[in-house]
N, C-alpha and C. Protein backbone atom coordinates (compact mmCIF):
# COMPACT_ATOMS: atom_id res chain seq x y z
N MET A 1 33.56 11.11 28.51
CA MET A 1 32.28 11.70 28.85
C MET A 1 31.89 12.68 27.73
N PRO A 2 30.68 12.54 27.19
CA PRO A 2 30.24 13.44 26.12
C PRO A 2 30.17 14.89 26.59
N LYS A 3 30.44 15.79 25.65
CA LYS A 3 30.35 17.23 25.95
C LYS A 3 29.31 17.86 25.03
N VAL A 4 28.72 18.94 25.46
CA VAL A 4 27.73 19.66 24.67
C VAL A 4 28.48 20.50 23.63
N SER A 5 28.06 20.39 22.36
CA SER A 5 28.68 21.16 21.28
C SER A 5 28.15 22.59 21.28
N ALA A 6 28.72 23.43 20.41
CA ALA A 6 28.27 24.82 20.28
C ALA A 6 26.80 24.90 19.86
N LYS A 7 26.32 23.86 19.17
CA LYS A 7 24.92 23.82 18.73
C LYS A 7 24.00 23.15 19.75
N GLY A 8 24.56 22.79 20.91
CA GLY A 8 23.74 22.15 21.94
C GLY A 8 23.57 20.66 21.72
N GLN A 9 24.38 20.07 20.86
CA GLN A 9 24.27 18.64 20.57
C GLN A 9 25.14 17.83 21.51
N VAL A 10 24.66 16.61 21.79
CA VAL A 10 25.40 15.68 22.65
C VAL A 10 25.34 14.31 21.99
N ALA A 11 26.46 13.59 21.99
CA ALA A 11 26.48 12.22 21.47
C ALA A 11 26.00 11.26 22.56
N ILE A 12 25.06 10.40 22.21
CA ILE A 12 24.58 9.39 23.15
C ILE A 12 25.46 8.16 22.96
N PRO A 13 26.06 7.65 24.03
CA PRO A 13 26.94 6.49 23.89
C PRO A 13 26.24 5.31 23.21
N LEU A 14 27.01 4.58 22.39
CA LEU A 14 26.49 3.47 21.61
C LEU A 14 25.78 2.43 22.49
N SER A 15 26.37 2.11 23.62
CA SER A 15 25.77 1.09 24.49
C SER A 15 24.35 1.50 24.93
N LEU A 16 24.15 2.79 25.20
CA LEU A 16 22.82 3.27 25.61
C LEU A 16 21.87 3.32 24.42
N ARG A 17 22.39 3.71 23.25
CA ARG A 17 21.53 3.72 22.05
C ARG A 17 21.02 2.32 21.76
N LYS A 18 21.89 1.33 21.86
CA LYS A 18 21.49 -0.06 21.62
C LYS A 18 20.47 -0.52 22.67
N GLU A 19 20.77 -0.24 23.92
CA GLU A 19 19.89 -0.67 25.02
C GLU A 19 18.48 -0.12 24.89
N PHE A 20 18.36 1.15 24.43
CA PHE A 20 17.06 1.79 24.37
C PHE A 20 16.49 1.87 22.95
N GLY A 21 17.14 1.21 22.00
CA GLY A 21 16.63 1.15 20.62
C GLY A 21 16.65 2.49 19.91
N ILE A 22 17.61 3.33 20.22
CA ILE A 22 17.73 4.64 19.56
C ILE A 22 18.61 4.46 18.33
N GLU A 23 18.02 4.72 17.15
CA GLU A 23 18.72 4.56 15.88
C GLU A 23 18.78 5.90 15.16
N ILE A 24 19.48 5.92 14.04
CA ILE A 24 19.54 7.12 13.22
C ILE A 24 18.10 7.52 12.86
N GLY A 25 17.76 8.76 13.09
CA GLY A 25 16.42 9.26 12.79
C GLY A 25 15.41 9.08 13.92
N SER A 26 15.80 8.36 14.98
CA SER A 26 14.88 8.20 16.12
C SER A 26 14.60 9.56 16.74
N GLU A 27 13.39 9.70 17.24
CA GLU A 27 13.03 10.93 17.94
C GLU A 27 13.17 10.69 19.43
N ILE A 28 13.67 11.73 20.13
CA ILE A 28 13.78 11.66 21.58
C ILE A 28 13.13 12.89 22.17
N ASP A 29 12.73 12.78 23.41
CA ASP A 29 12.11 13.90 24.11
C ASP A 29 12.93 14.17 25.36
N PHE A 30 12.89 15.38 25.85
CA PHE A 30 13.59 15.76 27.07
C PHE A 30 12.55 16.09 28.13
N GLU A 31 12.75 15.52 29.30
CA GLU A 31 11.84 15.76 30.41
C GLU A 31 12.63 16.11 31.66
N LYS A 32 12.00 16.87 32.52
CA LYS A 32 12.60 17.22 33.81
C LYS A 32 11.95 16.30 34.85
N LEU A 33 12.79 15.57 35.58
CA LEU A 33 12.28 14.62 36.56
C LEU A 33 13.12 14.74 37.84
N ASN A 34 12.50 15.18 38.91
CA ASN A 34 13.19 15.33 40.20
C ASN A 34 14.46 16.17 40.07
N GLY A 35 14.35 17.25 39.31
CA GLY A 35 15.48 18.16 39.16
C GLY A 35 16.57 17.68 38.22
N GLN A 36 16.29 16.60 37.48
CA GLN A 36 17.28 16.08 36.53
C GLN A 36 16.70 16.10 35.12
N LEU A 37 17.59 16.20 34.14
CA LEU A 37 17.19 16.14 32.74
C LEU A 37 17.18 14.68 32.31
N VAL A 38 16.07 14.23 31.77
CA VAL A 38 15.92 12.84 31.35
C VAL A 38 15.64 12.81 29.85
N ILE A 39 16.35 11.95 29.14
CA ILE A 39 16.13 11.76 27.70
C ILE A 39 15.22 10.55 27.54
N VAL A 40 14.12 10.73 26.82
CA VAL A 40 13.14 9.67 26.64
C VAL A 40 12.95 9.38 25.16
N PRO A 41 13.23 8.13 24.72
CA PRO A 41 12.96 7.79 23.32
C PRO A 41 11.47 7.86 23.03
N VAL A 42 11.09 8.44 21.90
CA VAL A 42 9.69 8.54 21.51
C VAL A 42 9.33 7.28 20.73
N LYS A 43 8.36 6.55 21.21
CA LYS A 43 7.91 5.33 20.54
C LYS A 43 6.80 5.69 19.57
N LYS A 44 6.99 5.32 18.32
CA LYS A 44 5.98 5.60 17.30
C LYS A 44 5.17 4.35 17.02
N ALA A 45 3.93 4.55 16.62
CA ALA A 45 3.10 3.43 16.22
C ALA A 45 3.66 2.84 14.93
N LYS A 46 3.53 1.54 14.80
CA LYS A 46 4.01 0.88 13.58
C LYS A 46 3.13 1.28 12.41
N PRO A 47 3.73 1.45 11.23
CA PRO A 47 2.93 1.80 10.06
C PRO A 47 1.99 0.67 9.67
N ILE A 48 0.91 1.03 8.99
CA ILE A 48 -0.06 0.03 8.54
C ILE A 48 0.61 -0.86 7.51
N ARG A 49 0.47 -2.14 7.71
CA ARG A 49 1.05 -3.09 6.76
C ARG A 49 0.17 -3.17 5.52
N ARG A 50 0.74 -3.68 4.45
CA ARG A 50 -0.01 -3.80 3.19
C ARG A 50 -1.27 -4.61 3.38
N LYS A 51 -1.18 -5.71 4.12
CA LYS A 51 -2.34 -6.56 4.35
C LYS A 51 -3.45 -5.75 5.03
N ASP A 52 -3.05 -4.96 6.03
CA ASP A 52 -4.03 -4.15 6.76
C ASP A 52 -4.70 -3.13 5.84
N SER A 53 -3.93 -2.51 4.95
CA SER A 53 -4.51 -1.51 4.06
C SER A 53 -5.46 -2.17 3.06
N PHE A 54 -5.14 -3.40 2.64
CA PHE A 54 -6.02 -4.13 1.73
C PHE A 54 -7.34 -4.45 2.44
N ILE A 55 -7.24 -4.89 3.68
CA ILE A 55 -8.45 -5.19 4.46
C ILE A 55 -9.29 -3.93 4.65
N LYS A 56 -8.63 -2.79 4.87
CA LYS A 56 -9.35 -1.53 5.03
C LYS A 56 -10.14 -1.21 3.76
N LEU A 57 -9.53 -1.42 2.59
CA LEU A 57 -10.24 -1.19 1.33
C LEU A 57 -11.46 -2.10 1.22
N VAL A 58 -11.28 -3.36 1.61
CA VAL A 58 -12.39 -4.33 1.55
C VAL A 58 -13.53 -3.86 2.44
N GLU A 59 -13.19 -3.40 3.64
CA GLU A 59 -14.22 -2.93 4.57
C GLU A 59 -14.92 -1.69 4.03
N GLU A 60 -14.16 -0.77 3.40
CA GLU A 60 -14.76 0.44 2.84
C GLU A 60 -15.77 0.11 1.74
N MET A 61 -15.52 -0.98 1.02
CA MET A 61 -16.42 -1.36 -0.07
C MET A 61 -17.55 -2.27 0.42
N ASN A 62 -17.60 -2.49 1.75
CA ASN A 62 -18.63 -3.35 2.34
C ASN A 62 -18.70 -4.73 1.69
N ILE A 63 -17.53 -5.33 1.50
CA ILE A 63 -17.45 -6.67 0.93
C ILE A 63 -17.06 -7.63 2.03
N GLU A 64 -17.75 -8.75 2.11
CA GLU A 64 -17.37 -9.78 3.07
C GLU A 64 -16.14 -10.48 2.50
N PRO A 65 -15.02 -10.53 3.25
CA PRO A 65 -13.79 -11.11 2.72
C PRO A 65 -13.94 -12.50 2.13
N SER A 66 -14.82 -13.33 2.69
CA SER A 66 -14.98 -14.69 2.18
C SER A 66 -15.71 -14.72 0.84
N SER A 67 -16.33 -13.61 0.45
CA SER A 67 -17.11 -13.62 -0.78
C SER A 67 -16.45 -12.82 -1.91
N ILE A 68 -15.19 -12.45 -1.76
CA ILE A 68 -14.52 -11.64 -2.78
C ILE A 68 -14.23 -12.48 -4.01
N THR A 69 -14.62 -11.94 -5.15
CA THR A 69 -14.34 -12.62 -6.41
C THR A 69 -13.01 -12.12 -6.98
N ASP A 70 -12.48 -12.83 -7.96
CA ASP A 70 -11.25 -12.41 -8.62
C ASP A 70 -11.42 -11.03 -9.25
N GLU A 71 -12.62 -10.80 -9.78
CA GLU A 71 -12.92 -9.50 -10.40
C GLU A 71 -12.85 -8.36 -9.37
N GLU A 72 -13.40 -8.61 -8.18
CA GLU A 72 -13.37 -7.61 -7.12
C GLU A 72 -11.94 -7.37 -6.61
N ILE A 73 -11.15 -8.43 -6.57
CA ILE A 73 -9.75 -8.28 -6.17
C ILE A 73 -9.01 -7.39 -7.15
N GLU A 74 -9.23 -7.60 -8.43
CA GLU A 74 -8.60 -6.76 -9.45
C GLU A 74 -9.05 -5.31 -9.33
N GLN A 75 -10.34 -5.11 -9.05
CA GLN A 75 -10.86 -3.76 -8.87
C GLN A 75 -10.19 -3.08 -7.67
N LEU A 76 -10.03 -3.83 -6.58
CA LEU A 76 -9.36 -3.29 -5.40
C LEU A 76 -7.91 -2.92 -5.70
N LYS A 77 -7.24 -3.77 -6.47
CA LYS A 77 -5.85 -3.49 -6.85
C LYS A 77 -5.76 -2.21 -7.67
N GLN A 78 -6.70 -2.06 -8.61
CA GLN A 78 -6.70 -0.85 -9.45
C GLN A 78 -6.95 0.40 -8.62
N GLU A 79 -7.91 0.32 -7.69
CA GLU A 79 -8.20 1.48 -6.84
C GLU A 79 -6.99 1.83 -5.97
N ARG A 80 -6.32 0.81 -5.49
CA ARG A 80 -5.13 1.05 -4.66
C ARG A 80 -4.04 1.71 -5.48
N ARG A 81 -3.83 1.25 -6.71
CA ARG A 81 -2.83 1.86 -7.58
C ARG A 81 -3.18 3.32 -7.85
N MET A 82 -4.46 3.60 -8.06
CA MET A 82 -4.89 4.97 -8.32
C MET A 82 -4.63 5.85 -7.11
N ARG A 83 -4.91 5.33 -5.91
CA ARG A 83 -4.66 6.09 -4.68
C ARG A 83 -3.19 6.40 -4.49
N ARG A 84 -2.34 5.47 -4.92
CA ARG A 84 -0.90 5.63 -4.77
C ARG A 84 -0.30 6.41 -5.93
N GLY A 85 -1.10 6.70 -6.93
CA GLY A 85 -0.63 7.49 -8.07
C GLY A 85 0.20 6.69 -9.06
N LEU A 86 -0.05 5.39 -9.15
CA LEU A 86 0.71 4.54 -10.08
C LEU A 86 -0.06 4.31 -11.35
């Protein structure tokens, strides 16, 4: 049975970490429910994928995706590199 350390830390058993998808760096929250302490994994939204960020750039430039020229694609790539500091 896990014990609370001097720093207030507790090890979550591996079987429970696997069952609830708790990995290194996962955030958890503590809630009080019916007089008991409940540990709740915090679910984060998935990061924007590269494809999604490219589409966002296209929308910002008011370009219809079906009408993008090779020149416009290169311009979008350059703007993206500039935003990323490359």
